[in-house]
Structures are given as C-alpha cells and as structure tokens.
Amino acid sequence: MGMKTEDNLKEAFAGESQANRKYLAFAKKAEEEGYRQVAKLFRAAAEAETVHAHNHLRVLKGIKTTKENIQEAVKGETHEFKKMYPEMMEKAKAEKNDEGYQTFHFANEVEKIHAALYSKALENLGKNEELDYYVCPFCGNTVEKAPPEKCPICGAPGKKFIKIA
C-alpha cells in the first residue's frame, strides 16, 4: 500500500469516526426537540459512517486478534490518562476555562477505569465470565455488575446509569 493511500485511509477513518459521534449527538438533540424523523436520519447516517470507518480500519489492518486489540486499548487509554488529558486539563486551567477543564477531568478519570477494565478483561480472556456494564450518561464512568448509588466522579444518581447490552 502506498504511503499516501495509507495516510488517506487514516484521515478517512478519523473523519468517519467523528461524523458518527457527531451525528449521534445531533440525533439526540433532534429527538429532544421532537424531530423524530430527522433523528432517525441522523442515526442512519451515523451507522453508515461506522460502516465506512470499519472498512477503512480493516484495510489498514488495524483490527487484530481480540488479545492484541485489548492490549492496544490498554495502551491508548493509558496514554490518555497519563499524558493527553493531564496536558489538556493544565491548558484549560491556565485559560480559566472551567467547562473545558471539567470535561477533560471527567474523561481522564474514566480512561483510568477503562484501562483497568481492559487489563482485567485481558487477564480473564477465554474464561467466559459474563458481567454487566453500566455507563454514567454525564461523565462516562463505566462500572461492572451494578451502578453505584451515586457516581463517584460526577455525583449523578446511579439510577441514571445506562446498562450496556
């Protein structure tokens, strides 16, 4: 594969991935405003963008064995909470951007949890232990088995957590 094609695939993967997330956020807003048909269109386009992103990643040979994928996930999450988010939090603090700092802080705390959950999954790979996961809709806190009474990261009530199928 030529370098330019590889660079283009990486760029396209990033763009399609961002479009997916953006369209899902747009769908949520359309739903809140009562535009159900528009919300459905945004969700349909988001799903198509996911297909595109997965295709690009496949051609890039970016999907490996589950064990290798978990190892890559641990590496990525660890980079985020050790380097990326702390630097972003520092800049937001220096600029007195409280909202920016808050969103980076929430993500930073949750990336630590994700790294730990992935590490645990790697240790238990093949044991077929099945657990439920719950996600806080405000900060992204991810927990096993059952939601807490109150989110330890953002304080949201545990009953708001979303069970992941």
N, C-alpha and C. Protein backbone atom coordinates (compact mmCIF):
# COMPACT_ATOMS: atom_id res chain seq x y z
N MET A 1 0.86 -1.18 0.00
CA MET A 1 0.00 0.00 0.00
C MET A 1 0.90 1.23 0.00
N GLY A 2 0.57 2.20 -0.84
CA GLY A 2 1.35 3.43 -0.90
C GLY A 2 1.15 4.27 0.36
N MET A 3 2.15 5.06 0.68
CA MET A 3 2.09 5.91 1.88
C MET A 3 0.91 6.89 1.82
N LYS A 4 0.67 7.47 0.64
CA LYS A 4 -0.42 8.44 0.52
C LYS A 4 -1.77 7.76 0.77
N THR A 5 -1.94 6.56 0.22
CA THR A 5 -3.20 5.83 0.45
C THR A 5 -3.36 5.50 1.92
N GLU A 6 -2.27 5.07 2.56
CA GLU A 6 -2.34 4.76 3.98
C GLU A 6 -2.69 6.01 4.79
N ASP A 7 -2.05 7.13 4.48
CA ASP A 7 -2.38 8.39 5.17
C ASP A 7 -3.84 8.78 4.92
N ASN A 8 -4.30 8.61 3.69
CA ASN A 8 -5.69 8.94 3.36
C ASN A 8 -6.66 8.04 4.12
N LEU A 9 -6.34 6.76 4.24
CA LEU A 9 -7.20 5.83 4.98
C LEU A 9 -7.27 6.23 6.46
N LYS A 10 -6.13 6.62 7.03
CA LYS A 10 -6.11 7.06 8.43
C LYS A 10 -6.96 8.32 8.60
N GLU A 11 -6.81 9.26 7.68
CA GLU A 11 -7.59 10.50 7.74
C GLU A 11 -9.08 10.21 7.56
N ALA A 12 -9.41 9.34 6.62
CA ALA A 12 -10.81 8.99 6.38
C ALA A 12 -11.40 8.26 7.59
N PHE A 13 -10.62 7.37 8.20
CA PHE A 13 -11.08 6.68 9.40
C PHE A 13 -11.42 7.69 10.50
N ALA A 14 -10.53 8.64 10.73
CA ALA A 14 -10.76 9.66 11.76
C ALA A 14 -12.00 10.49 11.43
N GLY A 15 -12.13 10.90 10.20
CA GLY A 15 -13.28 11.71 9.79
C GLY A 15 -14.60 10.98 9.91
N GLU A 16 -14.64 9.73 9.46
CA GLU A 16 -15.86 8.94 9.55
C GLU A 16 -16.22 8.65 11.01
N SER A 17 -15.21 8.41 11.83
CA SER A 17 -15.45 8.16 13.26
C SER A 17 -16.05 9.39 13.92
N GLN A 18 -15.49 10.56 13.62
CA GLN A 18 -16.03 11.80 14.19
C GLN A 18 -17.44 12.08 13.69
N ALA A 19 -17.69 11.82 12.41
CA ALA A 19 -19.02 12.05 11.86
C ALA A 19 -20.04 11.16 12.57
N ASN A 20 -19.67 9.91 12.84
CA ASN A 20 -20.57 9.00 13.56
C ASN A 20 -20.98 9.61 14.90
N ARG A 21 -20.00 10.02 15.68
CA ARG A 21 -20.29 10.57 17.02
C ARG A 21 -21.10 11.87 16.92
N LYS A 22 -20.72 12.72 15.99
CA LYS A 22 -21.42 13.99 15.82
C LYS A 22 -22.88 13.76 15.44
N TYR A 23 -23.11 12.84 14.48
CA TYR A 23 -24.48 12.58 14.04
C TYR A 23 -25.33 11.97 15.15
N LEU A 24 -24.72 11.14 16.01
CA LEU A 24 -25.47 10.60 17.14
C LEU A 24 -25.85 11.71 18.13
N ALA A 25 -24.94 12.67 18.33
CA ALA A 25 -25.26 13.82 19.19
C ALA A 25 -26.37 14.65 18.55
N PHE A 26 -26.30 14.83 17.23
CA PHE A 26 -27.34 15.58 16.52
C PHE A 26 -28.68 14.86 16.62
N ALA A 27 -28.67 13.53 16.54
CA ALA A 27 -29.90 12.74 16.64
C ALA A 27 -30.54 12.93 18.01
N LYS A 28 -29.71 12.92 19.04
CA LYS A 28 -30.21 13.11 20.40
C LYS A 28 -30.89 14.47 20.54
N LYS A 29 -30.27 15.49 19.98
CA LYS A 29 -30.84 16.85 20.03
C LYS A 29 -32.14 16.91 19.23
N ALA A 30 -32.16 16.31 18.05
CA ALA A 30 -33.38 16.32 17.23
C ALA A 30 -34.51 15.61 17.97
N GLU A 31 -34.19 14.51 18.64
CA GLU A 31 -35.17 13.76 19.43
C GLU A 31 -35.73 14.65 20.55
N GLU A 32 -34.85 15.35 21.26
CA GLU A 32 -35.27 16.25 22.34
C GLU A 32 -36.20 17.35 21.83
N GLU A 33 -35.96 17.80 20.60
CA GLU A 33 -36.77 18.87 20.01
C GLU A 33 -38.03 18.33 19.32
N GLY A 34 -38.22 17.01 19.36
CA GLY A 34 -39.43 16.42 18.79
C GLY A 34 -39.33 16.09 17.31
N TYR A 35 -38.16 16.14 16.73
CA TYR A 35 -37.98 15.84 15.30
C TYR A 35 -37.54 14.39 15.13
N ARG A 36 -38.47 13.47 15.34
CA ARG A 36 -38.14 12.04 15.33
C ARG A 36 -37.62 11.57 13.98
N GLN A 37 -38.19 12.07 12.89
CA GLN A 37 -37.75 11.63 11.56
C GLN A 37 -36.31 12.09 11.29
N VAL A 38 -36.00 13.30 11.67
CA VAL A 38 -34.64 13.81 11.48
C VAL A 38 -33.67 13.02 12.36
N ALA A 39 -34.09 12.69 13.58
CA ALA A 39 -33.26 11.90 14.48
C ALA A 39 -32.95 10.54 13.84
N LYS A 40 -33.97 9.93 13.22
CA LYS A 40 -33.76 8.64 12.55
C LYS A 40 -32.76 8.77 11.40
N LEU A 41 -32.87 9.86 10.64
CA LEU A 41 -31.94 10.09 9.54
C LEU A 41 -30.51 10.25 10.07
N PHE A 42 -30.34 11.03 11.13
CA PHE A 42 -29.01 11.19 11.72
C PHE A 42 -28.45 9.84 12.20
N ARG A 43 -29.31 9.02 12.82
CA ARG A 43 -28.85 7.70 13.30
C ARG A 43 -28.49 6.78 12.13
N ALA A 44 -29.27 6.85 11.03
CA ALA A 44 -28.97 6.04 9.84
C ALA A 44 -27.63 6.47 9.24
N ALA A 45 -27.42 7.76 9.11
CA ALA A 45 -26.15 8.25 8.57
C ALA A 45 -24.99 7.88 9.50
N ALA A 46 -25.22 7.97 10.80
CA ALA A 46 -24.18 7.59 11.77
C ALA A 46 -23.79 6.13 11.60
N GLU A 47 -24.77 5.27 11.39
CA GLU A 47 -24.48 3.85 11.20
C GLU A 47 -23.68 3.64 9.91
N ALA A 48 -24.04 4.37 8.86
CA ALA A 48 -23.29 4.27 7.60
C ALA A 48 -21.85 4.73 7.79
N GLU A 49 -21.66 5.81 8.54
CA GLU A 49 -20.29 6.30 8.81
C GLU A 49 -19.50 5.25 9.57
N THR A 50 -20.16 4.50 10.46
CA THR A 50 -19.49 3.42 11.18
C THR A 50 -19.04 2.33 10.20
N VAL A 51 -19.89 1.99 9.25
CA VAL A 51 -19.52 1.00 8.23
C VAL A 51 -18.27 1.48 7.49
N HIS A 52 -18.27 2.76 7.09
CA HIS A 52 -17.11 3.31 6.37
C HIS A 52 -15.85 3.23 7.23
N ALA A 53 -15.97 3.67 8.49
CA ALA A 53 -14.81 3.66 9.40
C ALA A 53 -14.27 2.25 9.58
N HIS A 54 -15.16 1.28 9.80
CA HIS A 54 -14.73 -0.11 9.97
C HIS A 54 -14.03 -0.62 8.72
N ASN A 55 -14.56 -0.27 7.55
CA ASN A 55 -13.94 -0.69 6.29
C ASN A 55 -12.52 -0.11 6.17
N HIS A 56 -12.38 1.18 6.46
CA HIS A 56 -11.06 1.83 6.37
C HIS A 56 -10.08 1.17 7.35
N LEU A 57 -10.53 0.92 8.58
CA LEU A 57 -9.67 0.31 9.60
C LEU A 57 -9.26 -1.11 9.18
N ARG A 58 -10.19 -1.84 8.58
CA ARG A 58 -9.90 -3.20 8.10
C ARG A 58 -8.82 -3.17 7.04
N VAL A 59 -8.94 -2.25 6.07
CA VAL A 59 -7.94 -2.14 5.00
C VAL A 59 -6.58 -1.71 5.58
N LEU A 60 -6.60 -0.92 6.64
CA LEU A 60 -5.36 -0.51 7.31
C LEU A 60 -4.75 -1.64 8.15
N LYS A 61 -5.44 -2.79 8.20
CA LYS A 61 -5.02 -3.92 9.04
C LYS A 61 -4.98 -3.51 10.51
N GLY A 62 -5.94 -2.67 10.90
CA GLY A 62 -6.00 -2.14 12.26
C GLY A 62 -6.83 -2.98 13.22
N ILE A 63 -7.43 -4.05 12.73
CA ILE A 63 -8.22 -4.94 13.59
C ILE A 63 -7.46 -6.26 13.66
N LYS A 64 -7.03 -6.59 14.86
CA LYS A 64 -6.20 -7.78 15.03
C LYS A 64 -6.95 -8.81 15.87
N THR A 65 -6.23 -9.67 16.58
CA THR A 65 -6.90 -10.63 17.46
C THR A 65 -7.48 -9.87 18.66
N THR A 66 -8.43 -10.46 19.33
CA THR A 66 -9.03 -9.80 20.49
C THR A 66 -7.97 -9.48 21.53
N LYS A 67 -7.04 -10.41 21.76
CA LYS A 67 -5.97 -10.16 22.73
C LYS A 67 -5.16 -8.93 22.33
N GLU A 68 -4.76 -8.85 21.06
CA GLU A 68 -3.99 -7.70 20.58
C GLU A 68 -4.83 -6.41 20.64
N ASN A 69 -6.12 -6.52 20.33
CA ASN A 69 -7.00 -5.34 20.38
C ASN A 69 -7.13 -4.82 21.81
N ILE A 70 -7.23 -5.74 22.78
CA ILE A 70 -7.31 -5.31 24.19
C ILE A 70 -5.99 -4.64 24.59
N GLN A 71 -4.88 -5.23 24.20
CA GLN A 71 -3.58 -4.64 24.53
C GLN A 71 -3.46 -3.23 23.95
N GLU A 72 -3.92 -3.05 22.73
CA GLU A 72 -3.89 -1.72 22.12
C GLU A 72 -4.81 -0.76 22.87
N ALA A 73 -5.97 -1.25 23.30
CA ALA A 73 -6.90 -0.41 24.05
C ALA A 73 -6.29 0.04 25.38
N VAL A 74 -5.61 -0.87 26.08
CA VAL A 74 -4.94 -0.52 27.34
C VAL A 74 -3.91 0.57 27.08
N LYS A 75 -3.13 0.38 26.03
CA LYS A 75 -2.08 1.36 25.68
C LYS A 75 -2.70 2.73 25.39
N GLY A 76 -3.77 2.76 24.60
CA GLY A 76 -4.43 4.01 24.25
C GLY A 76 -5.03 4.72 25.45
N GLU A 77 -5.75 3.97 26.28
CA GLU A 77 -6.38 4.56 27.46
C GLU A 77 -5.31 5.08 28.43
N THR A 78 -4.23 4.33 28.58
CA THR A 78 -3.15 4.73 29.49
C THR A 78 -2.50 6.02 29.00
N HIS A 79 -2.26 6.12 27.71
CA HIS A 79 -1.72 7.37 27.14
C HIS A 79 -2.65 8.54 27.44
N GLU A 80 -3.95 8.31 27.28
CA GLU A 80 -4.91 9.40 27.51
C GLU A 80 -4.88 9.89 28.95
N PHE A 81 -4.87 8.98 29.93
CA PHE A 81 -4.95 9.45 31.32
C PHE A 81 -3.60 9.85 31.89
N LYS A 82 -2.50 9.37 31.31
CA LYS A 82 -1.19 9.75 31.83
C LYS A 82 -0.63 11.00 31.17
N LYS A 83 -0.95 11.22 29.90
CA LYS A 83 -0.34 12.33 29.17
C LYS A 83 -1.34 13.29 28.54
N MET A 84 -2.20 12.76 27.68
CA MET A 84 -3.07 13.62 26.88
C MET A 84 -3.99 14.49 27.74
N TYR A 85 -4.82 13.87 28.56
CA TYR A 85 -5.78 14.66 29.35
C TYR A 85 -5.12 15.53 30.41
N PRO A 86 -4.09 15.07 31.11
CA PRO A 86 -3.45 15.98 32.07
C PRO A 86 -2.93 17.26 31.41
N GLU A 87 -2.35 17.14 30.21
CA GLU A 87 -1.87 18.32 29.49
C GLU A 87 -3.04 19.22 29.09
N MET A 88 -4.12 18.63 28.64
CA MET A 88 -5.31 19.40 28.25
C MET A 88 -5.93 20.09 29.46
N MET A 89 -5.95 19.39 30.59
CA MET A 89 -6.51 19.97 31.83
C MET A 89 -5.66 21.17 32.26
N GLU A 90 -4.36 21.03 32.17
CA GLU A 90 -3.45 22.11 32.55
C GLU A 90 -3.68 23.35 31.69
N LYS A 91 -3.84 23.15 30.39
CA LYS A 91 -4.08 24.28 29.47
C LYS A 91 -5.43 24.94 29.76
N ALA A 92 -6.45 24.12 29.99
CA ALA A 92 -7.78 24.66 30.28
C ALA A 92 -7.75 25.47 31.58
N LYS A 93 -7.04 24.96 32.57
CA LYS A 93 -6.92 25.66 33.85
C LYS A 93 -6.21 27.01 33.66
N ALA A 94 -5.12 26.99 32.89
CA ALA A 94 -4.36 28.22 32.62
C ALA A 94 -5.22 29.26 31.90
N GLU A 95 -6.12 28.79 31.05
CA GLU A 95 -7.02 29.69 30.31
C GLU A 95 -8.30 29.99 31.09
N LYS A 96 -8.39 29.46 32.31
CA LYS A 96 -9.56 29.65 33.16
C LYS A 96 -10.85 29.19 32.47
N ASN A 97 -10.74 28.09 31.71
CA ASN A 97 -11.89 27.52 31.02
C ASN A 97 -12.41 26.36 31.86
N ASP A 98 -13.32 26.67 32.77
CA ASP A 98 -13.83 25.67 33.71
C ASP A 98 -14.58 24.53 33.04
N GLU A 99 -15.37 24.84 32.01
CA GLU A 99 -16.11 23.78 31.31
C GLU A 99 -15.15 22.84 30.59
N GLY A 100 -14.14 23.41 29.94
CA GLY A 100 -13.14 22.58 29.27
C GLY A 100 -12.42 21.70 30.27
N TYR A 101 -12.01 22.31 31.39
CA TYR A 101 -11.32 21.55 32.43
C TYR A 101 -12.19 20.40 32.93
N GLN A 102 -13.46 20.68 33.18
CA GLN A 102 -14.39 19.68 33.72
C GLN A 102 -14.54 18.49 32.78
N THR A 103 -14.73 18.76 31.49
CA THR A 103 -14.94 17.66 30.55
C THR A 103 -13.66 16.84 30.40
N PHE A 104 -12.49 17.50 30.40
CA PHE A 104 -11.23 16.77 30.34
C PHE A 104 -11.02 15.95 31.61
N HIS A 105 -11.37 16.52 32.76
CA HIS A 105 -11.22 15.82 34.04
C HIS A 105 -12.09 14.57 34.08
N PHE A 106 -13.36 14.70 33.68
CA PHE A 106 -14.25 13.54 33.67
C PHE A 106 -13.65 12.44 32.78
N ALA A 107 -13.25 12.82 31.57
CA ALA A 107 -12.69 11.84 30.64
C ALA A 107 -11.43 11.20 31.23
N ASN A 108 -10.57 12.00 31.83
CA ASN A 108 -9.33 11.50 32.41
C ASN A 108 -9.61 10.44 33.48
N GLU A 109 -10.55 10.73 34.36
CA GLU A 109 -10.88 9.77 35.43
C GLU A 109 -11.43 8.47 34.85
N VAL A 110 -12.24 8.58 33.82
CA VAL A 110 -12.87 7.40 33.24
C VAL A 110 -11.87 6.59 32.41
N GLU A 111 -10.91 7.25 31.77
CA GLU A 111 -9.91 6.50 30.99
C GLU A 111 -9.09 5.60 31.91
N LYS A 112 -8.84 6.04 33.15
CA LYS A 112 -8.14 5.20 34.13
C LYS A 112 -8.95 3.92 34.38
N ILE A 113 -10.25 4.09 34.53
CA ILE A 113 -11.15 2.96 34.77
C ILE A 113 -11.16 2.03 33.56
N HIS A 114 -11.24 2.62 32.36
CA HIS A 114 -11.24 1.79 31.15
C HIS A 114 -9.96 0.97 31.04
N ALA A 115 -8.82 1.58 31.32
CA ALA A 115 -7.55 0.84 31.25
C ALA A 115 -7.58 -0.35 32.21
N ALA A 116 -8.11 -0.12 33.42
CA ALA A 116 -8.20 -1.20 34.41
C ALA A 116 -9.17 -2.29 33.95
N LEU A 117 -10.31 -1.89 33.40
CA LEU A 117 -11.29 -2.88 32.93
C LEU A 117 -10.73 -3.70 31.77
N TYR A 118 -10.01 -3.05 30.86
CA TYR A 118 -9.38 -3.78 29.75
C TYR A 118 -8.31 -4.74 30.26
N SER A 119 -7.52 -4.29 31.24
CA SER A 119 -6.48 -5.15 31.81
C SER A 119 -7.11 -6.39 32.44
N LYS A 120 -8.21 -6.17 33.15
CA LYS A 120 -8.93 -7.29 33.77
C LYS A 120 -9.48 -8.23 32.69
N ALA A 121 -10.01 -7.66 31.62
CA ALA A 121 -10.53 -8.49 30.52
C ALA A 121 -9.43 -9.32 29.89
N LEU A 122 -8.23 -8.74 29.78
CA LEU A 122 -7.10 -9.45 29.22
C LEU A 122 -6.73 -10.65 30.10
N GLU A 123 -6.72 -10.42 31.41
CA GLU A 123 -6.41 -11.49 32.37
C GLU A 123 -7.46 -12.61 32.31
N ASN A 124 -8.71 -12.23 32.07
CA ASN A 124 -9.81 -13.20 32.08
C ASN A 124 -10.19 -13.71 30.69
N LEU A 125 -9.41 -13.33 29.68
CA LEU A 125 -9.73 -13.70 28.30
C LEU A 125 -9.87 -15.21 28.17
N GLY A 126 -10.99 -15.64 27.64
CA GLY A 126 -11.23 -17.07 27.44
C GLY A 126 -11.94 -17.75 28.59
N LYS A 127 -12.12 -17.06 29.69
CA LYS A 127 -12.78 -17.66 30.85
C LYS A 127 -14.30 -17.54 30.75
N ASN A 128 -14.77 -16.76 29.79
CA ASN A 128 -16.20 -16.59 29.51
C ASN A 128 -17.01 -16.11 30.71
N GLU A 129 -16.39 -15.32 31.57
CA GLU A 129 -17.12 -14.72 32.68
C GLU A 129 -17.95 -13.58 32.11
N GLU A 130 -19.23 -13.58 32.41
CA GLU A 130 -20.10 -12.55 31.85
C GLU A 130 -20.57 -11.60 32.94
N LEU A 131 -20.28 -10.32 32.73
CA LEU A 131 -20.67 -9.27 33.66
C LEU A 131 -21.47 -8.20 32.92
N ASP A 132 -22.30 -7.49 33.64
CA ASP A 132 -22.98 -6.34 33.06
C ASP A 132 -22.12 -5.11 33.28
N TYR A 133 -22.22 -4.17 32.35
CA TYR A 133 -21.53 -2.88 32.47
C TYR A 133 -22.58 -1.79 32.46
N TYR A 134 -22.30 -0.74 33.21
CA TYR A 134 -23.19 0.42 33.29
C TYR A 134 -22.35 1.68 33.06
N VAL A 135 -22.92 2.64 32.32
CA VAL A 135 -22.20 3.87 31.98
C VAL A 135 -23.00 5.09 32.44
N CYS A 136 -22.30 6.00 33.12
CA CYS A 136 -22.91 7.26 33.54
C CYS A 136 -23.10 8.13 32.30
N PRO A 137 -24.33 8.62 32.08
CA PRO A 137 -24.59 9.42 30.87
C PRO A 137 -24.03 10.85 30.95
N PHE A 138 -23.48 11.22 32.09
CA PHE A 138 -22.97 12.58 32.25
C PHE A 138 -21.44 12.65 32.16
N CYS A 139 -20.75 11.68 32.77
CA CYS A 139 -19.28 11.73 32.75
C CYS A 139 -18.65 10.52 32.05
N GLY A 140 -19.45 9.48 31.79
CA GLY A 140 -18.92 8.30 31.12
C GLY A 140 -18.37 7.24 32.05
N ASN A 141 -18.45 7.47 33.37
CA ASN A 141 -17.96 6.47 34.32
C ASN A 141 -18.52 5.11 33.92
N THR A 142 -17.65 4.12 33.92
CA THR A 142 -18.03 2.77 33.48
C THR A 142 -17.79 1.81 34.63
N VAL A 143 -18.84 1.09 35.02
CA VAL A 143 -18.73 0.18 36.17
C VAL A 143 -19.25 -1.20 35.80
N GLU A 144 -18.76 -2.20 36.55
CA GLU A 144 -19.19 -3.58 36.36
C GLU A 144 -20.32 -3.92 37.33
N LYS A 145 -21.10 -4.92 36.95
CA LYS A 145 -22.11 -5.58 37.78
C LYS A 145 -23.35 -4.75 38.07
N ALA A 146 -23.19 -3.58 38.72
CA ALA A 146 -24.36 -2.76 39.07
C ALA A 146 -23.92 -1.31 39.22
N PRO A 147 -24.83 -0.37 38.93
CA PRO A 147 -24.46 1.04 39.10
C PRO A 147 -24.32 1.39 40.58
N PRO A 148 -23.49 2.37 40.88
CA PRO A 148 -23.36 2.81 42.27
C PRO A 148 -24.59 3.61 42.68
N GLU A 149 -24.74 3.85 43.96
CA GLU A 149 -25.83 4.70 44.46
C GLU A 149 -25.71 6.10 43.83
N LYS A 150 -24.45 6.57 43.79
CA LYS A 150 -24.15 7.89 43.24
C LYS A 150 -22.82 7.80 42.51
N CYS A 151 -22.70 8.43 41.35
CA CYS A 151 -21.47 8.37 40.58
C CYS A 151 -20.34 9.03 41.38
N PRO A 152 -19.25 8.30 41.62
CA PRO A 152 -18.15 8.87 42.39
C PRO A 152 -17.36 9.94 41.62
N ILE A 153 -17.58 10.04 40.32
CA ILE A 153 -16.86 11.04 39.53
C ILE A 153 -17.63 12.34 39.40
N CYS A 154 -18.92 12.25 39.05
CA CYS A 154 -19.68 13.49 38.81
C CYS A 154 -20.86 13.69 39.77
N GLY A 155 -21.16 12.67 40.58
CA GLY A 155 -22.24 12.82 41.54
C GLY A 155 -23.64 12.50 41.02
N ALA A 156 -23.74 12.05 39.78
CA ALA A 156 -25.06 11.72 39.21
C ALA A 156 -25.68 10.54 39.95
N PRO A 157 -27.01 10.50 40.03
CA PRO A 157 -27.66 9.36 40.68
C PRO A 157 -27.42 8.08 39.88
N GLY A 158 -27.15 6.99 40.60
CA GLY A 158 -26.90 5.71 39.96
C GLY A 158 -28.02 5.22 39.08
N LYS A 159 -29.26 5.62 39.39
CA LYS A 159 -30.41 5.16 38.59
C LYS A 159 -30.37 5.73 37.17
N LYS A 160 -29.54 6.74 36.93
CA LYS A 160 -29.41 7.32 35.58
C LYS A 160 -28.44 6.54 34.69
N PHE A 161 -27.63 5.66 35.32
CA PHE A 161 -26.64 4.90 34.54
C PHE A 161 -27.34 4.07 33.48
N ILE A 162 -26.67 3.90 32.35
CA ILE A 162 -27.20 3.15 31.23
C ILE A 162 -26.60 1.75 31.22
N LYS A 163 -27.46 0.73 31.19
CA LYS A 163 -26.97 -0.65 31.11
C LYS A 163 -26.59 -0.94 29.67
N ILE A 164 -25.40 -1.50 29.50
CA ILE A 164 -24.91 -1.80 28.16
C ILE A 164 -25.27 -3.24 27.78
N ALA A 165 -25.90 -3.37 26.64
CA ALA A 165 -26.34 -4.70 26.19
C ALA A 165 -25.18 -5.49 25.63
